[in-house]
Amino acid sequence: MNAYNSIYTHRENDFTFVTWRDKKFLAAIGRNNVINASDKREGDGCTPSGQHRVIQGIIRPDRIPLIESKVPLSRNTHNAGWCDDPTHPSYNTYVTKPFMASHEDLWRDDHVYDVILVTDYNVDPIIPYRGSAIFIHIAAETINEHGISVLKPTAGCLALRQDDLVTILNECDEDLIWVVE
């Protein structure tokens, strides 16, 4: 693993951060925190521990300007989805809508999936019920009870502010790794 090309997730005082090279960014992980990857289950709201390689990126071209990155990037489309039905043969893969089994829409009204980095979690082999769509994507933000803007937890992904995610994409090498301990 190339430490210089790794995103490290860590907790400090009830907040999640990532360290990228000499930078530290606020981040969000699964609403139920981190779980050992071997215990991860579909829909548990946990982020799987381990080292997850970024295998590709998907960019929404009508909202995100061209990004120069060494990570292979493709364009998001209106009919893009990701199968999250553990009983379907296409589980944990990109699918084209209309699609009859349960799936996430990758083209959304909010900005969460304007940039998606697809990780290699549960891809070789794909194990049913072990969790799907473990992405790095843009964080949704909300205002907490103290009037402070905070990042909303995810269903198991890593989420960052758009500018921080684009910074990583612009600076990274092709073998980008996300480390969750």
N, C-alpha and C. Protein backbone atom coordinates (compact mmCIF):
# COMPACT_ATOMS: atom_id res chain seq x y z
N MET A 1 0.84 -1.18 0.00
CA MET A 1 0.00 0.00 0.00
C MET A 1 0.89 1.24 0.00
N ASN A 2 0.53 2.21 -0.81
CA ASN A 2 1.24 3.47 -0.92
C ASN A 2 0.62 4.46 0.08
N ALA A 3 1.29 4.70 1.21
CA ALA A 3 0.75 5.58 2.24
C ALA A 3 0.51 6.99 1.72
N TYR A 4 1.32 7.43 0.77
CA TYR A 4 1.17 8.77 0.21
C TYR A 4 -0.10 8.90 -0.62
N ASN A 5 -0.64 7.79 -1.09
CA ASN A 5 -1.83 7.78 -1.94
C ASN A 5 -3.01 7.13 -1.24
N SER A 6 -3.08 7.31 0.09
CA SER A 6 -4.14 6.70 0.89
C SER A 6 -4.94 7.75 1.65
N ILE A 7 -6.22 7.52 1.75
CA ILE A 7 -7.14 8.34 2.54
C ILE A 7 -7.34 7.59 3.85
N TYR A 8 -6.99 8.21 4.97
CA TYR A 8 -7.11 7.56 6.28
C TYR A 8 -8.30 8.13 7.03
N THR A 9 -9.20 7.27 7.46
CA THR A 9 -10.37 7.67 8.22
C THR A 9 -10.08 7.53 9.71
N HIS A 10 -10.44 8.56 10.49
CA HIS A 10 -10.24 8.50 11.94
C HIS A 10 -11.28 9.36 12.65
N ARG A 11 -11.48 9.06 13.93
CA ARG A 11 -12.45 9.78 14.77
C ARG A 11 -11.71 10.65 15.77
N GLU A 12 -12.26 11.84 16.01
CA GLU A 12 -11.75 12.76 17.03
C GLU A 12 -12.93 13.47 17.66
N ASN A 13 -13.11 13.31 18.96
CA ASN A 13 -14.15 14.04 19.69
C ASN A 13 -15.51 14.00 19.00
N ASP A 14 -16.00 12.81 18.71
CA ASP A 14 -17.32 12.60 18.09
C ASP A 14 -17.42 13.07 16.65
N PHE A 15 -16.31 13.41 16.02
CA PHE A 15 -16.32 13.79 14.61
C PHE A 15 -15.45 12.81 13.83
N THR A 16 -15.79 12.63 12.57
CA THR A 16 -14.99 11.80 11.67
C THR A 16 -14.20 12.71 10.74
N PHE A 17 -12.95 12.36 10.54
CA PHE A 17 -12.08 13.09 9.62
C PHE A 17 -11.37 12.10 8.72
N VAL A 18 -10.88 12.61 7.60
CA VAL A 18 -9.93 11.85 6.80
C VAL A 18 -8.66 12.67 6.71
N THR A 19 -7.56 11.97 6.67
CA THR A 19 -6.27 12.59 6.41
C THR A 19 -5.87 12.21 5.01
N TRP A 20 -5.57 13.22 4.22
CA TRP A 20 -5.09 13.03 2.86
C TRP A 20 -3.79 13.81 2.72
N ARG A 21 -2.70 13.08 2.62
CA ARG A 21 -1.36 13.69 2.55
C ARG A 21 -1.20 14.64 3.73
N ASP A 22 -1.02 15.91 3.52
CA ASP A 22 -0.84 16.84 4.65
C ASP A 22 -2.12 17.59 5.00
N LYS A 23 -3.25 17.10 4.52
CA LYS A 23 -4.53 17.78 4.74
C LYS A 23 -5.45 16.93 5.62
N LYS A 24 -6.34 17.60 6.33
CA LYS A 24 -7.34 16.92 7.16
C LYS A 24 -8.71 17.49 6.79
N PHE A 25 -9.63 16.58 6.41
CA PHE A 25 -10.96 16.99 5.98
C PHE A 25 -12.02 16.38 6.89
N LEU A 26 -13.07 17.16 7.18
CA LEU A 26 -14.23 16.63 7.87
C LEU A 26 -14.88 15.58 6.98
N ALA A 27 -15.39 14.51 7.57
CA ALA A 27 -15.97 13.43 6.78
C ALA A 27 -17.17 12.83 7.52
N ALA A 28 -17.90 11.98 6.82
CA ALA A 28 -19.00 11.23 7.42
C ALA A 28 -18.84 9.77 7.01
N ILE A 29 -19.19 8.88 7.94
CA ILE A 29 -19.19 7.44 7.66
C ILE A 29 -20.58 6.91 8.00
N GLY A 30 -20.72 5.59 8.01
CA GLY A 30 -22.00 4.96 8.28
C GLY A 30 -22.63 5.40 9.60
N ARG A 31 -23.95 5.54 9.60
CA ARG A 31 -24.68 6.02 10.78
C ARG A 31 -24.47 5.13 12.00
N ASN A 32 -24.07 3.88 11.78
CA ASN A 32 -23.82 2.95 12.89
C ASN A 32 -22.33 2.67 13.08
N ASN A 33 -21.50 3.58 12.57
CA ASN A 33 -20.06 3.56 12.77
C ASN A 33 -19.38 2.47 11.93
N VAL A 34 -18.21 2.01 12.37
CA VAL A 34 -17.38 1.04 11.64
C VAL A 34 -17.62 -0.35 12.20
N ILE A 35 -17.60 -1.33 11.29
CA ILE A 35 -17.75 -2.73 11.67
C ILE A 35 -16.66 -3.53 10.96
N ASN A 36 -16.25 -4.62 11.57
CA ASN A 36 -15.31 -5.52 10.91
C ASN A 36 -15.91 -5.93 9.57
N ALA A 37 -15.13 -5.85 8.52
CA ALA A 37 -15.65 -6.14 7.17
C ALA A 37 -16.30 -7.53 7.09
N SER A 38 -15.78 -8.49 7.82
CA SER A 38 -16.36 -9.84 7.77
C SER A 38 -17.74 -9.91 8.43
N ASP A 39 -18.09 -8.90 9.23
CA ASP A 39 -19.40 -8.85 9.88
C ASP A 39 -20.38 -7.93 9.17
N LYS A 40 -19.95 -7.24 8.13
CA LYS A 40 -20.79 -6.29 7.39
C LYS A 40 -21.96 -7.02 6.76
N ARG A 41 -23.15 -6.40 6.84
CA ARG A 41 -24.36 -6.95 6.24
C ARG A 41 -25.11 -5.86 5.49
N GLU A 42 -25.79 -6.24 4.43
CA GLU A 42 -26.57 -5.30 3.64
C GLU A 42 -27.57 -4.56 4.54
N GLY A 43 -27.56 -3.23 4.45
CA GLY A 43 -28.53 -2.41 5.17
C GLY A 43 -28.22 -2.15 6.63
N ASP A 44 -27.04 -2.55 7.13
CA ASP A 44 -26.74 -2.37 8.56
C ASP A 44 -26.30 -0.96 8.93
N GLY A 45 -26.05 -0.10 7.95
CA GLY A 45 -25.65 1.27 8.23
C GLY A 45 -24.23 1.41 8.73
N CYS A 46 -23.43 0.38 8.55
CA CYS A 46 -22.03 0.39 9.04
C CYS A 46 -21.05 0.54 7.88
N THR A 47 -19.92 1.14 8.20
CA THR A 47 -18.81 1.24 7.25
C THR A 47 -17.86 0.07 7.51
N PRO A 48 -17.52 -0.69 6.47
CA PRO A 48 -16.63 -1.84 6.68
C PRO A 48 -15.18 -1.41 6.90
N SER A 49 -14.52 -2.04 7.86
CA SER A 49 -13.11 -1.75 8.12
C SER A 49 -12.26 -2.34 7.00
N GLY A 50 -11.01 -1.90 6.95
CA GLY A 50 -10.07 -2.47 5.99
C GLY A 50 -9.50 -1.43 5.04
N GLN A 51 -8.84 -1.93 4.02
CA GLN A 51 -8.27 -1.11 2.96
C GLN A 51 -9.08 -1.35 1.70
N HIS A 52 -9.70 -0.30 1.21
CA HIS A 52 -10.58 -0.39 0.05
C HIS A 52 -9.98 0.41 -1.10
N ARG A 53 -9.67 -0.27 -2.17
CA ARG A 53 -9.09 0.38 -3.34
C ARG A 53 -10.19 1.04 -4.16
N VAL A 54 -9.93 2.25 -4.63
CA VAL A 54 -10.86 2.93 -5.54
C VAL A 54 -10.62 2.37 -6.93
N ILE A 55 -11.68 1.81 -7.53
CA ILE A 55 -11.51 1.17 -8.84
C ILE A 55 -12.01 2.02 -10.00
N GLN A 56 -12.87 3.00 -9.71
CA GLN A 56 -13.34 3.91 -10.75
C GLN A 56 -14.10 5.06 -10.11
N GLY A 57 -14.31 6.10 -10.90
CA GLY A 57 -15.13 7.22 -10.48
C GLY A 57 -16.25 7.45 -11.46
N ILE A 58 -17.36 7.98 -10.96
CA ILE A 58 -18.50 8.33 -11.80
C ILE A 58 -18.84 9.79 -11.49
N ILE A 59 -18.86 10.62 -12.51
CA ILE A 59 -19.05 12.05 -12.36
C ILE A 59 -20.34 12.47 -13.06
N ARG A 60 -21.12 13.33 -12.40
CA ARG A 60 -22.32 13.87 -13.04
C ARG A 60 -21.91 15.09 -13.88
N PRO A 61 -21.91 14.95 -15.21
CA PRO A 61 -21.30 15.97 -16.07
C PRO A 61 -22.05 17.30 -16.11
N ASP A 62 -23.33 17.33 -15.80
CA ASP A 62 -24.06 18.60 -15.84
C ASP A 62 -23.83 19.44 -14.58
N ARG A 63 -23.17 18.86 -13.56
CA ARG A 63 -22.93 19.59 -12.31
C ARG A 63 -21.46 19.73 -11.94
N ILE A 64 -20.63 18.84 -12.40
CA ILE A 64 -19.21 18.83 -12.02
C ILE A 64 -18.37 19.13 -13.25
N PRO A 65 -17.55 20.19 -13.16
CA PRO A 65 -16.66 20.47 -14.29
C PRO A 65 -15.63 19.35 -14.46
N LEU A 66 -15.01 19.33 -15.59
CA LEU A 66 -14.02 18.31 -15.89
C LEU A 66 -12.98 18.21 -14.78
N ILE A 67 -12.74 17.02 -14.31
CA ILE A 67 -11.74 16.76 -13.28
C ILE A 67 -10.59 16.01 -13.94
N GLU A 68 -9.39 16.50 -13.75
CA GLU A 68 -8.19 15.81 -14.22
C GLU A 68 -7.76 14.87 -13.11
N SER A 69 -7.91 13.57 -13.32
CA SER A 69 -7.57 12.60 -12.29
C SER A 69 -6.95 11.37 -12.93
N LYS A 70 -6.12 10.70 -12.15
CA LYS A 70 -5.55 9.43 -12.61
C LYS A 70 -6.49 8.26 -12.33
N VAL A 71 -7.55 8.51 -11.54
CA VAL A 71 -8.60 7.50 -11.33
C VAL A 71 -9.46 7.48 -12.60
N PRO A 72 -9.74 6.32 -13.17
CA PRO A 72 -10.60 6.27 -14.36
C PRO A 72 -11.99 6.83 -14.03
N LEU A 73 -12.44 7.81 -14.80
CA LEU A 73 -13.72 8.46 -14.56
C LEU A 73 -14.66 8.22 -15.73
N SER A 74 -15.93 7.96 -15.41
CA SER A 74 -16.96 7.86 -16.43
C SER A 74 -18.07 8.84 -16.09
N ARG A 75 -18.97 9.04 -17.03
CA ARG A 75 -20.07 9.99 -16.85
C ARG A 75 -21.30 9.29 -16.30
N ASN A 76 -21.91 9.92 -15.31
CA ASN A 76 -23.18 9.44 -14.78
C ASN A 76 -24.26 9.74 -15.82
N THR A 77 -25.31 8.93 -15.83
CA THR A 77 -26.42 9.11 -16.76
C THR A 77 -27.75 8.99 -16.02
N HIS A 78 -28.81 9.44 -16.66
CA HIS A 78 -30.16 9.39 -16.07
C HIS A 78 -30.61 7.97 -15.74
N ASN A 79 -30.11 6.99 -16.45
CA ASN A 79 -30.58 5.61 -16.24
C ASN A 79 -29.58 4.75 -15.45
N ALA A 80 -28.70 5.40 -14.68
CA ALA A 80 -27.69 4.68 -13.91
C ALA A 80 -28.24 4.24 -12.56
N GLY A 81 -27.92 3.00 -12.20
CA GLY A 81 -28.31 2.46 -10.90
C GLY A 81 -27.25 1.53 -10.36
N TRP A 82 -27.44 1.10 -9.11
CA TRP A 82 -26.53 0.16 -8.47
C TRP A 82 -27.38 -0.86 -7.73
N CYS A 83 -27.28 -2.13 -8.10
CA CYS A 83 -28.13 -3.17 -7.52
C CYS A 83 -27.76 -3.43 -6.06
N ASP A 84 -28.75 -3.33 -5.17
CA ASP A 84 -28.53 -3.63 -3.75
C ASP A 84 -29.42 -4.78 -3.27
N ASP A 85 -29.90 -5.58 -4.21
CA ASP A 85 -30.72 -6.75 -3.89
C ASP A 85 -29.81 -7.97 -3.79
N PRO A 86 -29.56 -8.46 -2.55
CA PRO A 86 -28.62 -9.57 -2.37
C PRO A 86 -29.05 -10.88 -3.03
N THR A 87 -30.32 -10.98 -3.44
CA THR A 87 -30.78 -12.21 -4.08
C THR A 87 -30.68 -12.15 -5.61
N HIS A 88 -30.28 -11.00 -6.14
CA HIS A 88 -30.22 -10.83 -7.59
C HIS A 88 -28.81 -11.09 -8.11
N PRO A 89 -28.69 -11.69 -9.29
CA PRO A 89 -27.35 -11.96 -9.87
C PRO A 89 -26.51 -10.69 -10.10
N SER A 90 -27.14 -9.53 -10.20
CA SER A 90 -26.40 -8.28 -10.42
C SER A 90 -26.07 -7.55 -9.12
N TYR A 91 -26.22 -8.23 -7.98
CA TYR A 91 -25.94 -7.61 -6.68
C TYR A 91 -24.56 -6.95 -6.65
N ASN A 92 -24.54 -5.74 -6.11
CA ASN A 92 -23.33 -4.93 -5.95
C ASN A 92 -22.63 -4.63 -7.27
N THR A 93 -23.43 -4.35 -8.31
CA THR A 93 -22.88 -3.93 -9.59
C THR A 93 -23.70 -2.78 -10.16
N TYR A 94 -23.09 -2.07 -11.08
CA TYR A 94 -23.76 -1.02 -11.85
C TYR A 94 -24.85 -1.68 -12.69
N VAL A 95 -26.02 -1.05 -12.74
CA VAL A 95 -27.12 -1.54 -13.57
C VAL A 95 -27.73 -0.37 -14.34
N THR A 96 -28.42 -0.70 -15.39
CA THR A 96 -29.11 0.29 -16.20
C THR A 96 -30.61 0.22 -15.92
N LYS A 97 -31.22 1.37 -15.63
CA LYS A 97 -32.65 1.44 -15.37
C LYS A 97 -33.38 1.60 -16.70
N PRO A 98 -34.60 1.09 -16.78
CA PRO A 98 -35.35 0.47 -15.70
C PRO A 98 -34.75 -0.88 -15.30
N PHE A 99 -34.82 -1.15 -14.01
CA PHE A 99 -34.26 -2.37 -13.44
C PHE A 99 -35.25 -2.86 -12.39
N MET A 100 -35.66 -4.10 -12.49
CA MET A 100 -36.76 -4.59 -11.67
C MET A 100 -36.38 -4.87 -10.21
N ALA A 101 -35.15 -5.26 -9.94
CA ALA A 101 -34.74 -5.58 -8.56
C ALA A 101 -34.42 -4.28 -7.80
N SER A 102 -34.27 -4.39 -6.50
CA SER A 102 -33.94 -3.24 -5.67
C SER A 102 -32.59 -2.66 -6.10
N HIS A 103 -32.54 -1.32 -6.17
CA HIS A 103 -31.31 -0.65 -6.60
C HIS A 103 -31.32 0.79 -6.11
N GLU A 104 -30.13 1.37 -6.06
CA GLU A 104 -29.99 2.79 -5.78
C GLU A 104 -29.96 3.53 -7.10
N ASP A 105 -30.61 4.69 -7.13
CA ASP A 105 -30.49 5.58 -8.28
C ASP A 105 -29.20 6.36 -8.14
N LEU A 106 -28.37 6.36 -9.17
CA LEU A 106 -27.13 7.10 -9.12
C LEU A 106 -27.30 8.54 -9.63
N TRP A 107 -28.39 8.80 -10.35
CA TRP A 107 -28.69 10.15 -10.82
C TRP A 107 -29.75 10.70 -9.87
N ARG A 108 -29.35 11.60 -8.97
CA ARG A 108 -30.22 12.06 -7.90
C ARG A 108 -30.45 13.56 -7.97
N ASP A 109 -31.57 14.00 -7.35
CA ASP A 109 -31.86 15.42 -7.29
C ASP A 109 -30.91 16.16 -6.36
N ASP A 110 -30.51 15.50 -5.26
CA ASP A 110 -29.52 16.12 -4.37
C ASP A 110 -28.14 15.99 -5.02
N HIS A 111 -27.11 16.43 -4.34
CA HIS A 111 -25.77 16.44 -4.93
C HIS A 111 -24.87 15.30 -4.42
N VAL A 112 -25.42 14.40 -3.64
CA VAL A 112 -24.62 13.35 -2.99
C VAL A 112 -23.85 12.49 -3.99
N TYR A 113 -24.45 12.16 -5.11
CA TYR A 113 -23.80 11.31 -6.10
C TYR A 113 -23.31 12.09 -7.32
N ASP A 114 -23.06 13.38 -7.17
CA ASP A 114 -22.45 14.14 -8.28
C ASP A 114 -21.04 13.64 -8.56
N VAL A 115 -20.36 13.17 -7.50
CA VAL A 115 -19.06 12.49 -7.63
C VAL A 115 -19.15 11.22 -6.81
N ILE A 116 -18.89 10.09 -7.45
CA ILE A 116 -18.90 8.78 -6.78
C ILE A 116 -17.57 8.10 -7.07
N LEU A 117 -16.90 7.66 -6.02
CA LEU A 117 -15.74 6.80 -6.20
C LEU A 117 -16.16 5.40 -5.77
N VAL A 118 -16.09 4.47 -6.69
CA VAL A 118 -16.48 3.09 -6.45
C VAL A 118 -15.29 2.35 -5.86
N THR A 119 -15.50 1.66 -4.74
CA THR A 119 -14.41 0.91 -4.12
C THR A 119 -14.52 -0.57 -4.47
N ASP A 120 -13.46 -1.30 -4.15
CA ASP A 120 -13.43 -2.73 -4.44
C ASP A 120 -14.04 -3.57 -3.31
N TYR A 121 -14.76 -2.93 -2.39
CA TYR A 121 -15.38 -3.68 -1.30
C TYR A 121 -16.42 -4.65 -1.87
N ASN A 122 -16.31 -5.91 -1.51
CA ASN A 122 -17.24 -6.98 -1.89
C ASN A 122 -17.43 -7.09 -3.41
N VAL A 123 -16.32 -7.07 -4.14
CA VAL A 123 -16.44 -7.21 -5.59
C VAL A 123 -15.78 -8.46 -6.16
N ASP A 124 -14.83 -9.05 -5.47
CA ASP A 124 -14.13 -10.20 -6.05
C ASP A 124 -13.75 -11.20 -4.97
N PRO A 125 -14.65 -12.12 -4.65
CA PRO A 125 -15.96 -12.34 -5.25
C PRO A 125 -17.03 -11.49 -4.57
N ILE A 126 -18.15 -11.32 -5.24
CA ILE A 126 -19.30 -10.65 -4.64
C ILE A 126 -20.02 -11.68 -3.77
N ILE A 127 -20.18 -11.35 -2.49
CA ILE A 127 -20.83 -12.24 -1.54
C ILE A 127 -22.19 -11.66 -1.19
N PRO A 128 -23.29 -12.37 -1.52
CA PRO A 128 -24.62 -11.85 -1.20
C PRO A 128 -24.76 -11.51 0.28
N TYR A 129 -25.46 -10.41 0.54
CA TYR A 129 -25.77 -9.90 1.88
C TYR A 129 -24.56 -9.27 2.58
N ARG A 130 -23.37 -9.23 1.97
CA ARG A 130 -22.17 -8.70 2.62
C ARG A 130 -22.08 -7.18 2.50
N GLY A 131 -22.96 -6.56 1.75
CA GLY A 131 -22.97 -5.10 1.60
C GLY A 131 -22.66 -4.68 0.19
N SER A 132 -23.36 -3.64 -0.25
CA SER A 132 -23.19 -3.15 -1.61
C SER A 132 -23.02 -1.64 -1.62
N ALA A 133 -22.54 -1.14 -2.73
CA ALA A 133 -22.42 0.29 -2.97
C ALA A 133 -21.62 1.00 -1.88
N ILE A 134 -20.46 0.45 -1.54
CA ILE A 134 -19.58 1.13 -0.58
C ILE A 134 -18.73 2.10 -1.38
N PHE A 135 -19.21 3.34 -1.42
CA PHE A 135 -18.63 4.40 -2.23
C PHE A 135 -17.95 5.45 -1.35
N ILE A 136 -17.21 6.31 -2.01
CA ILE A 136 -16.80 7.60 -1.46
C ILE A 136 -17.57 8.61 -2.29
N HIS A 137 -18.34 9.47 -1.65
CA HIS A 137 -19.18 10.41 -2.38
C HIS A 137 -19.28 11.74 -1.65
N ILE A 138 -20.07 12.65 -2.19
CA ILE A 138 -20.24 13.98 -1.60
C ILE A 138 -21.18 13.87 -0.40
N ALA A 139 -20.83 14.57 0.66
CA ALA A 139 -21.62 14.54 1.89
C ALA A 139 -22.85 15.43 1.79
N ALA A 140 -23.92 14.98 2.41
CA ALA A 140 -25.08 15.82 2.66
C ALA A 140 -24.81 16.57 3.96
N GLU A 141 -25.20 17.83 4.02
CA GLU A 141 -24.95 18.63 5.22
C GLU A 141 -26.27 19.02 5.87
N THR A 142 -26.22 19.24 7.16
CA THR A 142 -27.37 19.70 7.93
C THR A 142 -26.87 20.63 9.03
N ILE A 143 -27.78 21.32 9.65
CA ILE A 143 -27.44 22.21 10.77
C ILE A 143 -27.82 21.48 12.06
N ASN A 144 -26.87 21.37 13.00
CA ASN A 144 -27.15 20.67 14.26
C ASN A 144 -27.85 21.60 15.26
N GLU A 145 -28.11 21.07 16.45
CA GLU A 145 -28.85 21.82 17.47
C GLU A 145 -28.10 23.06 17.96
N HIS A 146 -26.82 23.17 17.66
CA HIS A 146 -26.02 24.33 18.05
C HIS A 146 -25.86 25.34 16.90
N GLY A 147 -26.56 25.08 15.78
CA GLY A 147 -26.49 25.98 14.64
C GLY A 147 -25.23 25.81 13.81
N ILE A 148 -24.55 24.68 13.95
CA ILE A 148 -23.31 24.42 13.23
C ILE A 148 -23.59 23.45 12.09
N SER A 149 -23.02 23.73 10.93
CA SER A 149 -23.15 22.84 9.78
C SER A 149 -22.34 21.57 10.03
N VAL A 150 -22.99 20.41 9.92
CA VAL A 150 -22.33 19.12 10.10
C VAL A 150 -22.68 18.21 8.93
N LEU A 151 -21.86 17.19 8.74
CA LEU A 151 -22.11 16.23 7.66
C LEU A 151 -23.02 15.12 8.17
N LYS A 152 -24.01 14.75 7.35
CA LYS A 152 -24.93 13.68 7.73
C LYS A 152 -24.24 12.33 7.59
N PRO A 153 -24.50 11.42 8.53
CA PRO A 153 -23.96 10.06 8.38
C PRO A 153 -24.48 9.40 7.10
N THR A 154 -23.77 8.40 6.64
CA THR A 154 -24.13 7.67 5.42
C THR A 154 -24.74 6.31 5.77
N ALA A 155 -25.05 5.55 4.75
CA ALA A 155 -25.54 4.18 4.94
C ALA A 155 -24.39 3.18 5.03
N GLY A 156 -23.14 3.68 4.95
CA GLY A 156 -21.96 2.82 5.05
C GLY A 156 -20.78 3.33 4.25
N CYS A 157 -21.01 4.35 3.46
CA CYS A 157 -19.97 4.94 2.62
C CYS A 157 -19.13 5.95 3.40
N LEU A 158 -18.14 6.50 2.73
CA LEU A 158 -17.40 7.66 3.20
C LEU A 158 -17.91 8.85 2.40
N ALA A 159 -18.23 9.95 3.09
CA ALA A 159 -18.70 11.16 2.41
C ALA A 159 -17.86 12.35 2.84
N LEU A 160 -17.53 13.18 1.86
CA LEU A 160 -16.72 14.38 2.06
C LEU A 160 -17.39 15.56 1.38
N ARG A 161 -17.01 16.76 1.78
CA ARG A 161 -17.47 17.94 1.07
C ARG A 161 -16.92 17.88 -0.36
N GLN A 162 -17.69 18.44 -1.30
CA GLN A 162 -17.33 18.35 -2.72
C GLN A 162 -15.91 18.85 -2.99
N ASP A 163 -15.55 20.02 -2.49
CA ASP A 163 -14.22 20.57 -2.76
C ASP A 163 -13.11 19.65 -2.25
N ASP A 164 -13.33 19.01 -1.10
CA ASP A 164 -12.32 18.11 -0.53
C ASP A 164 -12.18 16.85 -1.38
N LEU A 165 -13.31 16.31 -1.83
CA LEU A 165 -13.28 15.11 -2.68
C LEU A 165 -12.60 15.42 -4.02
N VAL A 166 -12.90 16.57 -4.59
CA VAL A 166 -12.28 16.95 -5.86
C VAL A 166 -10.78 17.18 -5.67
N THR A 167 -10.37 17.75 -4.53
CA THR A 167 -8.94 17.91 -4.24
C THR A 167 -8.23 16.56 -4.27
N ILE A 168 -8.82 15.57 -3.60
CA ILE A 168 -8.21 14.24 -3.59
C ILE A 168 -8.13 13.67 -5.00
N LEU A 169 -9.20 13.79 -5.77
CA LEU A 169 -9.20 13.27 -7.14
C LEU A 169 -8.15 13.95 -8.01
N ASN A 170 -7.99 15.25 -7.84
CA ASN A 170 -6.99 15.98 -8.63
C ASN A 170 -5.57 15.62 -8.26
N GLU A 171 -5.33 15.26 -7.00
CA GLU A 171 -3.97 15.02 -6.52
C GLU A 171 -3.54 13.55 -6.51
N CYS A 172 -4.48 12.64 -6.56
CA CYS A 172 -4.16 11.23 -6.32
C CYS A 172 -3.49 10.55 -7.52
N ASP A 173 -2.85 9.45 -7.21
CA ASP A 173 -2.36 8.54 -8.24
C ASP A 173 -3.45 7.52 -8.52
N GLU A 174 -3.24 6.67 -9.50
CA GLU A 174 -4.26 5.72 -9.91
C GLU A 174 -4.62 4.71 -8.81
N ASP A 175 -3.67 4.33 -7.98
CA ASP A 175 -3.90 3.29 -6.98
C ASP A 175 -4.37 3.89 -5.64
N LEU A 176 -5.45 4.67 -5.67
CA LEU A 176 -5.99 5.34 -4.49
C LEU A 176 -6.61 4.32 -3.54
N ILE A 177 -6.25 4.42 -2.25
CA ILE A 177 -6.73 3.49 -1.22
C ILE A 177 -7.44 4.28 -0.13
N TRP A 178 -8.55 3.73 0.37
CA TRP A 178 -9.28 4.29 1.51
C TRP A 178 -9.06 3.32 2.68
N VAL A 179 -8.49 3.81 3.77
CA VAL A 179 -8.18 2.99 4.94
C VAL A 179 -9.16 3.29 6.05
N VAL A 180 -9.85 2.24 6.54
CA VAL A 180 -10.82 2.36 7.64
C VAL A 180 -10.39 1.43 8.74
N GLU A 181 -10.10 1.98 9.91
CA GLU A 181 -9.67 1.14 11.05
C GLU A 181 -10.72 1.13 12.13
